[in-house]
Amino acid sequence: MEIDNNKKVEQLLQTQLLTQVLKSSLGDSPTFDLVLESLTKAMADKNGGLSLGSIDLKDIGYGGNEKLVQDIKNAASNIKSNNPKVNEIVANISRKFGVDKDLIMAVIKQESSFQPNCVSQAGAMGLMQLMPETASEMGVTNPYDIEQNINGGTKYLRGLLDMYGNSKELALAAYNAGPGTLQNRGVKNKSDIERLPYETRDYVRKVMKYYGK
């Protein structure tokens, strides 16, 4: 009986450790739940029944916590919409503008959580939350049309990447706050992002976490 109790305690501690590792990488996000479910399923498949306490991470392809965290980040970057049309459009537009599809997906996730009819209090519209003037500049006539919105948002993001020497962090900061804000605050490199408002700093952090690269 004592041995069984010790095993239960060990299982509980390892479960808590695994959860902490996941949260440290992903935070409280939908991806956290998906990855945790995936890992526990892999463990169950390995043992014919869930038994975290008896699992060596190496047995299911993980070389310890560092490898686990990296794989979790890679899984987090593979964000997909429940709408296959969105995934297909993003893949095509990614190739068109030479912007990583995972970065586009990360922006959409943060901007609208894949809700094509989303409208912000400031008036930003659609999947990539285009402001009316930005939509017009990018040739978007219907910001609630999935393809037009992703095309316009990615075209705008491509321009920002070019403007900031392909720095994803600076491009994302400008996507959120506008290039004028970066210029006014003297933001010229990633370390300068700390000069920006908290909302923009938090935006960059969250998108890069979703991106996971």
C-alpha atoms as a PDB file:
ATOM      1  CA  MET A   1       0.000   0.000   0.000  1.00  0.00           C
ATOM      2  CA  GLU A   2       2.828   2.387   0.883  1.00  0.00           C
ATOM      3  CA  ILE A   3       4.518   1.702  -2.462  1.00  0.00           C
ATOM      4  CA  ASP A   4       1.286   2.458  -4.309  1.00  0.00           C
ATOM      5  CA  ASN A   5       0.918   5.722  -2.414  1.00  0.00           C
ATOM      6  CA  ASN A   6       4.503   6.690  -3.238  1.00  0.00           C
ATOM      7  CA  LYS A   7       3.817   6.045  -6.907  1.00  0.00           C
ATOM      8  CA  LYS A   8       0.712   8.205  -6.770  1.00  0.00           C
ATOM      9  CA  VAL A   9       2.685  11.040  -5.160  1.00  0.00           C
ATOM     10  CA  GLU A  10       5.393  10.689  -7.798  1.00  0.00           C
ATOM     11  CA  GLN A  11       2.809  10.763 -10.569  1.00  0.00           C
ATOM     12  CA  LEU A  12       1.226  13.870  -9.103  1.00  0.00           C
ATOM     13  CA  LEU A  13       4.570  15.662  -8.828  1.00  0.00           C
ATOM     14  CA  GLN A  14       5.554  14.790 -12.387  1.00  0.00           C
ATOM     15  CA  THR A  15       2.166  15.888 -13.678  1.00  0.00           C
ATOM     16  CA  GLN A  16       2.604  19.222 -11.906  1.00  0.00           C
ATOM     17  CA  LEU A  17       6.125  19.584 -13.308  1.00  0.00           C
ATOM     18  CA  LEU A  18       4.931  18.901 -16.841  1.00  0.00           C
ATOM     19  CA  THR A  19       2.120  21.435 -16.445  1.00  0.00           C
ATOM     20  CA  GLN A  20       4.556  24.071 -15.169  1.00  0.00           C
ATOM     21  CA  VAL A  21       6.900  23.488 -18.107  1.00  0.00           C
ATOM     22  CA  LEU A  22       4.030  23.861 -20.547  1.00  0.00           C
ATOM     23  CA  LYS A  23       2.746  27.039 -18.930  1.00  0.00           C
ATOM     24  CA  SER A  24       6.196  28.594 -18.782  1.00  0.00           C
ATOM     25  CA  SER A  25       6.447  28.181 -22.531  1.00  0.00           C
ATOM     26  CA  LEU A  26       2.880  28.860 -23.659  1.00  0.00           C
ATOM     27  CA  GLY A  27       1.159  30.711 -20.838  1.00  0.00           C
ATOM     28  CA  ASP A  28      -2.579  30.367 -20.418  1.00  0.00           C
ATOM     29  CA  SER A  29      -3.579  29.976 -24.034  1.00  0.00           C
ATOM     30  CA  PRO A  30      -5.646  27.588 -26.156  1.00  0.00           C
ATOM     31  CA  THR A  31      -2.374  26.118 -27.411  1.00  0.00           C
ATOM     32  CA  PHE A  32      -1.471  25.123 -23.837  1.00  0.00           C
ATOM     33  CA  ASP A  33      -4.550  22.903 -23.615  1.00  0.00           C
ATOM     34  CA  LEU A  34      -3.944  21.375 -27.030  1.00  0.00           C
ATOM     35  CA  VAL A  35      -0.300  20.561 -26.386  1.00  0.00           C
ATOM     36  CA  LEU A  36      -0.978  19.152 -22.918  1.00  0.00           C
ATOM     37  CA  GLU A  37      -3.697  16.929 -24.368  1.00  0.00           C
ATOM     38  CA  SER A  38      -1.357  15.789 -27.135  1.00  0.00           C
ATOM     39  CA  LEU A  39       1.446  14.899 -24.740  1.00  0.00           C
ATOM     40  CA  THR A  40      -0.753  13.032 -22.303  1.00  0.00           C
ATOM     41  CA  LYS A  41      -2.265  11.082 -25.201  1.00  0.00           C
ATOM     42  CA  ALA A  42       1.240  10.145 -26.360  1.00  0.00           C
ATOM     43  CA  MET A  43       2.031   8.949 -22.860  1.00  0.00           C
ATOM     44  CA  ALA A  44      -1.177   6.917 -22.691  1.00  0.00           C
ATOM     45  CA  ASP A  45      -0.441   5.308 -26.044  1.00  0.00           C
ATOM     46  CA  LYS A  46       3.040   4.415 -24.870  1.00  0.00           C
ATOM     47  CA  ASN A  47       1.860   2.685 -21.718  1.00  0.00           C
ATOM     48  CA  GLY A  48      -1.564   1.321 -22.605  1.00  0.00           C
ATOM     49  CA  GLY A  49      -3.059   3.659 -20.037  1.00  0.00           C
ATOM     50  CA  LEU A  50      -2.030   7.020 -18.596  1.00  0.00           C
ATOM     51  CA  SER A  51       0.795   6.636 -16.107  1.00  0.00           C
ATOM     52  CA  LEU A  52       2.817   9.830 -15.931  1.00  0.00           C
ATOM     53  CA  GLY A  53       4.810   8.673 -12.933  1.00  0.00           C
ATOM     54  CA  SER A  54       6.449   5.810 -14.822  1.00  0.00           C
ATOM     55  CA  ILE A  55       7.225   7.762 -18.012  1.00  0.00           C
ATOM     56  CA  ASP A  56      10.720   8.690 -19.070  1.00  0.00           C
ATOM     57  CA  LEU A  57      10.361  11.622 -21.470  1.00  0.00           C
ATOM     58  CA  LYS A  58      13.038  10.016 -23.646  1.00  0.00           C
ATOM     59  CA  ASP A  59      10.718   7.052 -24.199  1.00  0.00           C
ATOM     60  CA  ILE A  60       8.264   9.223 -26.104  1.00  0.00           C
ATOM     61  CA  GLY A  61      10.917  11.120 -28.045  1.00  0.00           C
ATOM     62  CA  TYR A  62      11.846  13.897 -25.622  1.00  0.00           C
ATOM     63  CA  GLY A  63      15.415  14.381 -24.452  1.00  0.00           C
ATOM     64  CA  GLY A  64      14.519  16.155 -21.225  1.00  0.00           C
ATOM     65  CA  ASN A  65      12.928  19.480 -20.346  1.00  0.00           C
ATOM     66  CA  GLU A  66      14.922  21.622 -22.814  1.00  0.00           C
ATOM     67  CA  LYS A  67      13.889  19.443 -25.736  1.00  0.00           C
ATOM     68  CA  LEU A  68      10.334  19.359 -24.441  1.00  0.00           C
ATOM     69  CA  VAL A  69      10.090  23.133 -24.222  1.00  0.00           C
ATOM     70  CA  GLN A  70      11.469  23.554 -27.755  1.00  0.00           C
ATOM     71  CA  ASP A  71       8.999  21.052 -29.167  1.00  0.00           C
ATOM     72  CA  ILE A  72       6.172  22.794 -27.333  1.00  0.00           C
ATOM     73  CA  LYS A  73       7.218  26.085 -28.922  1.00  0.00           C
ATOM     74  CA  ASN A  74       7.303  24.443 -32.330  1.00  0.00           C
ATOM     75  CA  ALA A  75       3.806  23.054 -31.757  1.00  0.00           C
ATOM     76  CA  ALA A  76       2.589  26.475 -30.683  1.00  0.00           C
ATOM     77  CA  SER A  77       3.847  28.005 -33.907  1.00  0.00           C
ATOM     78  CA  ASN A  78       1.770  25.615 -36.007  1.00  0.00           C
ATOM     79  CA  ILE A  79      -1.449  27.552 -35.462  1.00  0.00           C
ATOM     80  CA  LYS A  80      -4.292  26.642 -37.765  1.00  0.00           C
ATOM     81  CA  SER A  81      -7.807  27.902 -38.234  1.00  0.00           C
ATOM     82  CA  ASN A  82     -10.791  25.590 -37.974  1.00  0.00           C
ATOM     83  CA  ASN A  83     -11.721  26.951 -41.391  1.00  0.00           C
ATOM     84  CA  PRO A  84      -9.708  25.051 -44.055  1.00  0.00           C
ATOM     85  CA  LYS A  85     -10.270  27.960 -46.441  1.00  0.00           C
ATOM     86  CA  VAL A  86      -8.313  30.293 -44.144  1.00  0.00           C
ATOM     87  CA  ASN A  87      -5.401  27.844 -43.959  1.00  0.00           C
ATOM     88  CA  GLU A  88      -5.320  27.505 -47.746  1.00  0.00           C
ATOM     89  CA  ILE A  89      -5.519  31.244 -48.338  1.00  0.00           C
ATOM     90  CA  VAL A  90      -2.761  31.955 -45.817  1.00  0.00           C
ATOM     91  CA  ALA A  91      -0.509  29.361 -47.464  1.00  0.00           C
ATOM     92  CA  ASN A  92      -1.046  30.918 -50.908  1.00  0.00           C
ATOM     93  CA  ILE A  93      -0.610  34.517 -49.756  1.00  0.00           C
ATOM     94  CA  SER A  94       2.456  33.534 -47.723  1.00  0.00           C
ATOM     95  CA  ARG A  95       4.123  32.413 -50.938  1.00  0.00           C
ATOM     96  CA  LYS A  96       2.892  35.483 -52.811  1.00  0.00           C
ATOM     97  CA  PHE A  97       4.481  38.005 -50.440  1.00  0.00           C
ATOM     98  CA  GLY A  98       7.279  35.898 -48.997  1.00  0.00           C
ATOM     99  CA  VAL A  99       5.987  36.164 -45.425  1.00  0.00           C
ATOM    100  CA  ASP A 100       6.171  33.112 -43.162  1.00  0.00           C
ATOM    101  CA  LYS A 101       2.697  31.582 -42.968  1.00  0.00           C
ATOM    102  CA  ASP A 102       3.151  30.925 -39.260  1.00  0.00           C
ATOM    103  CA  LEU A 103       3.758  34.641 -38.695  1.00  0.00           C
ATOM    104  CA  ILE A 104       0.582  35.500 -40.608  1.00  0.00           C
ATOM    105  CA  MET A 105      -1.348  32.953 -38.559  1.00  0.00           C
ATOM    106  CA  ALA A 106       0.095  34.348 -35.330  1.00  0.00           C
ATOM    107  CA  VAL A 107      -1.030  37.858 -36.263  1.00  0.00           C
ATOM    108  CA  ILE A 108      -4.526  36.638 -37.145  1.00  0.00           C
ATOM    109  CA  LYS A 109      -4.718  34.696 -33.896  1.00  0.00           C
ATOM    110  CA  GLN A 110      -3.840  37.766 -31.841  1.00  0.00           C
ATOM    111  CA  GLU A 111      -5.844  40.265 -33.899  1.00  0.00           C
ATOM    112  CA  SER A 112      -9.162  38.455 -34.275  1.00  0.00           C
ATOM    113  CA  SER A 113      -8.820  34.879 -33.013  1.00  0.00           C
ATOM    114  CA  PHE A 114      -9.871  33.856 -36.537  1.00  0.00           C
ATOM    115  CA  GLN A 115     -13.200  35.723 -36.436  1.00  0.00           C
ATOM    116  CA  PRO A 116     -13.648  37.218 -39.963  1.00  0.00           C
ATOM    117  CA  ASN A 117     -16.411  39.631 -38.895  1.00  0.00           C
ATOM    118  CA  CYS A 118     -14.485  40.978 -35.897  1.00  0.00           C
ATOM    119  CA  VAL A 119     -14.582  44.772 -35.413  1.00  0.00           C
ATOM    120  CA  SER A 120     -12.550  46.607 -32.778  1.00  0.00           C
ATOM    121  CA  GLN A 121     -13.636  49.677 -30.826  1.00  0.00           C
ATOM    122  CA  ALA A 122     -11.164  51.675 -32.918  1.00  0.00           C
ATOM    123  CA  GLY A 123     -12.812  50.468 -36.135  1.00  0.00           C
ATOM    124  CA  ALA A 124     -10.278  47.837 -37.222  1.00  0.00           C
ATOM    125  CA  MET A 125     -11.931  45.160 -39.320  1.00  0.00           C
ATOM    126  CA  GLY A 126     -11.738  41.488 -40.159  1.00  0.00           C
ATOM    127  CA  LEU A 127      -9.212  38.738 -39.572  1.00  0.00           C
ATOM    128  CA  MET A 128      -6.120  40.945 -39.603  1.00  0.00           C
ATOM    129  CA  GLN A 129      -7.936  43.949 -38.126  1.00  0.00           C
ATOM    130  CA  LEU A 130      -7.344  46.458 -40.895  1.00  0.00           C
ATOM    131  CA  MET A 131      -8.088  50.102 -40.201  1.00  0.00           C
ATOM    132  CA  PRO A 132     -10.176  51.729 -42.970  1.00  0.00           C
ATOM    133  CA  GLU A 133      -7.269  53.828 -44.292  1.00  0.00           C
ATOM    134  CA  THR A 134      -4.926  50.838 -44.311  1.00  0.00           C
ATOM    135  CA  ALA A 135      -7.502  48.683 -46.075  1.00  0.00           C
ATOM    136  CA  SER A 136      -7.925  51.362 -48.716  1.00  0.00           C
ATOM    137  CA  GLU A 137      -4.161  51.729 -49.214  1.00  0.00           C
ATOM    138  CA  MET A 138      -3.801  47.974 -49.648  1.00  0.00           C
ATOM    139  CA  GLY A 139      -6.601  47.821 -52.214  1.00  0.00           C
ATOM    140  CA  VAL A 140      -9.080  46.043 -49.938  1.00  0.00           C
ATOM    141  CA  THR A 141     -12.660  46.846 -50.931  1.00  0.00           C
ATOM    142  CA  ASN A 142     -14.330  44.392 -48.539  1.00  0.00           C
ATOM    143  CA  PRO A 143     -12.337  43.935 -45.301  1.00  0.00           C
ATOM    144  CA  TYR A 144     -14.708  41.148 -44.211  1.00  0.00           C
ATOM    145  CA  ASP A 145     -13.845  39.059 -47.247  1.00  0.00           C
ATOM    146  CA  ILE A 146     -11.369  36.484 -45.938  1.00  0.00           C
ATOM    147  CA  GLU A 147      -9.032  36.495 -48.936  1.00  0.00           C
ATOM    148  CA  GLN A 148      -9.046  40.271 -49.380  1.00  0.00           C
ATOM    149  CA  ASN A 149      -8.379  40.858 -45.699  1.00  0.00           C
ATOM    150  CA  ILE A 150      -5.487  38.395 -45.448  1.00  0.00           C
ATOM    151  CA  ASN A 151      -4.031  39.668 -48.713  1.00  0.00           C
ATOM    152  CA  GLY A 152      -4.216  43.286 -47.545  1.00  0.00           C
ATOM    153  CA  GLY A 153      -2.916  42.565 -44.063  1.00  0.00           C
ATOM    154  CA  THR A 154      -0.020  40.475 -45.334  1.00  0.00           C
ATOM    155  CA  LYS A 155       0.857  43.055 -47.985  1.00  0.00           C
ATOM    156  CA  TYR A 156       0.983  45.687 -45.242  1.00  0.00           C
ATOM    157  CA  LEU A 157       3.058  43.416 -43.005  1.00  0.00           C
ATOM    158  CA  ARG A 158       5.452  42.725 -45.887  1.00  0.00           C
ATOM    159  CA  GLY A 159       5.979  46.468 -46.300  1.00  0.00           C
ATOM    160  CA  LEU A 160       6.712  46.847 -42.588  1.00  0.00           C
ATOM    161  CA  LEU A 161       9.185  43.955 -42.653  1.00  0.00           C
ATOM    162  CA  ASP A 162      10.973  45.662 -45.541  1.00  0.00           C
ATOM    163  CA  MET A 163      10.896  48.997 -43.702  1.00  0.00           C
ATOM    164  CA  TYR A 164      12.512  47.559 -40.574  1.00  0.00           C
ATOM    165  CA  GLY A 165      15.165  45.338 -42.100  1.00  0.00           C
ATOM    166  CA  ASN A 166      13.045  42.185 -41.768  1.00  0.00           C
ATOM    167  CA  SER A 167      12.850  42.572 -37.971  1.00  0.00           C
ATOM    168  CA  LYS A 168       9.656  40.774 -37.058  1.00  0.00           C
ATOM    169  CA  GLU A 169       9.441  42.462 -33.669  1.00  0.00           C
ATOM    170  CA  LEU A 170       9.684  45.984 -35.110  1.00  0.00           C
ATOM    171  CA  ALA A 171       7.286  45.143 -37.934  1.00  0.00           C
ATOM    172  CA  LEU A 172       4.755  43.809 -35.449  1.00  0.00           C
ATOM    173  CA  ALA A 173       5.159  46.869 -33.230  1.00  0.00           C
ATOM    174  CA  ALA A 174       4.471  49.087 -36.245  1.00  0.00           C
ATOM    175  CA  TYR A 175       1.532  46.908 -37.278  1.00  0.00           C
ATOM    176  CA  ASN A 176      -0.013  47.553 -33.881  1.00  0.00           C
ATOM    177  CA  ALA A 177       0.998  51.134 -33.119  1.00  0.00           C
ATOM    178  CA  GLY A 178       1.807  52.538 -36.550  1.00  0.00           C
ATOM    179  CA  PRO A 179       5.219  53.475 -37.978  1.00  0.00           C
ATOM    180  CA  GLY A 180       4.717  57.071 -36.841  1.00  0.00           C
ATOM    181  CA  THR A 181       4.617  56.017 -33.199  1.00  0.00           C
ATOM    182  CA  LEU A 182       7.895  54.138 -33.567  1.00  0.00           C
ATOM    183  CA  GLN A 183       9.498  57.137 -35.234  1.00  0.00           C
ATOM    184  CA  ASN A 184       8.226  59.599 -32.634  1.00  0.00           C
ATOM    185  CA  ARG A 185       9.559  57.438 -29.801  1.00  0.00           C
ATOM    186  CA  GLY A 186      12.914  56.811 -31.413  1.00  0.00           C
ATOM    187  CA  VAL A 187      12.410  53.083 -31.842  1.00  0.00           C
ATOM    188  CA  LYS A 188      15.121  51.829 -34.192  1.00  0.00           C
ATOM    189  CA  ASN A 189      15.906  48.334 -32.903  1.00  0.00           C
ATOM    190  CA  LYS A 190      14.319  45.572 -30.819  1.00  0.00           C
ATOM    191  CA  SER A 191      15.648  46.879 -27.521  1.00  0.00           C
ATOM    192  CA  ASP A 192      13.921  50.216 -28.176  1.00  0.00           C
ATOM    193  CA  ILE A 193      10.514  48.512 -28.145  1.00  0.00           C
ATOM    194  CA  GLU A 194      10.506  49.125 -24.382  1.00  0.00           C
ATOM    195  CA  ARG A 195       9.848  52.781 -25.208  1.00  0.00           C
ATOM    196  CA  LEU A 196       6.461  51.910 -26.682  1.00  0.00           C
ATOM    197  CA  PRO A 197       3.145  51.745 -24.798  1.00  0.00           C
ATOM    198  CA  TYR A 198       2.420  48.590 -22.821  1.00  0.00           C
ATOM    199  CA  GLU A 199      -0.341  47.557 -25.258  1.00  0.00           C
ATOM    200  CA  THR A 200       2.140  47.406 -28.128  1.00  0.00           C
ATOM    201  CA  ARG A 201       4.845  45.690 -26.106  1.00  0.00           C
ATOM    202  CA  ASP A 202       2.322  43.091 -24.969  1.00  0.00           C
ATOM    203  CA  TYR A 203       1.086  42.685 -28.552  1.00  0.00           C
ATOM    204  CA  VAL A 204       4.581  41.961 -29.859  1.00  0.00           C
ATOM    205  CA  ARG A 205       5.258  39.529 -27.034  1.00  0.00           C
ATOM    206  CA  LYS A 206       2.040  37.582 -27.612  1.00  0.00           C
ATOM    207  CA  VAL A 207       2.374  37.369 -31.387  1.00  0.00           C
ATOM    208  CA  MET A 208       5.979  36.220 -31.113  1.00  0.00           C
ATOM    209  CA  LYS A 209       4.907  33.593 -28.564  1.00  0.00           C
ATOM    210  CA  TYR A 210       2.264  32.303 -30.983  1.00  0.00           C
ATOM    211  CA  TYR A 211       4.870  32.411 -33.760  1.00  0.00           C
ATOM    212  CA  GLY A 212       7.222  30.385 -31.577  1.00  0.00           C
ATOM    213  CA  LYS A 213      10.395  30.784 -33.660  1.00  0.00           C
END
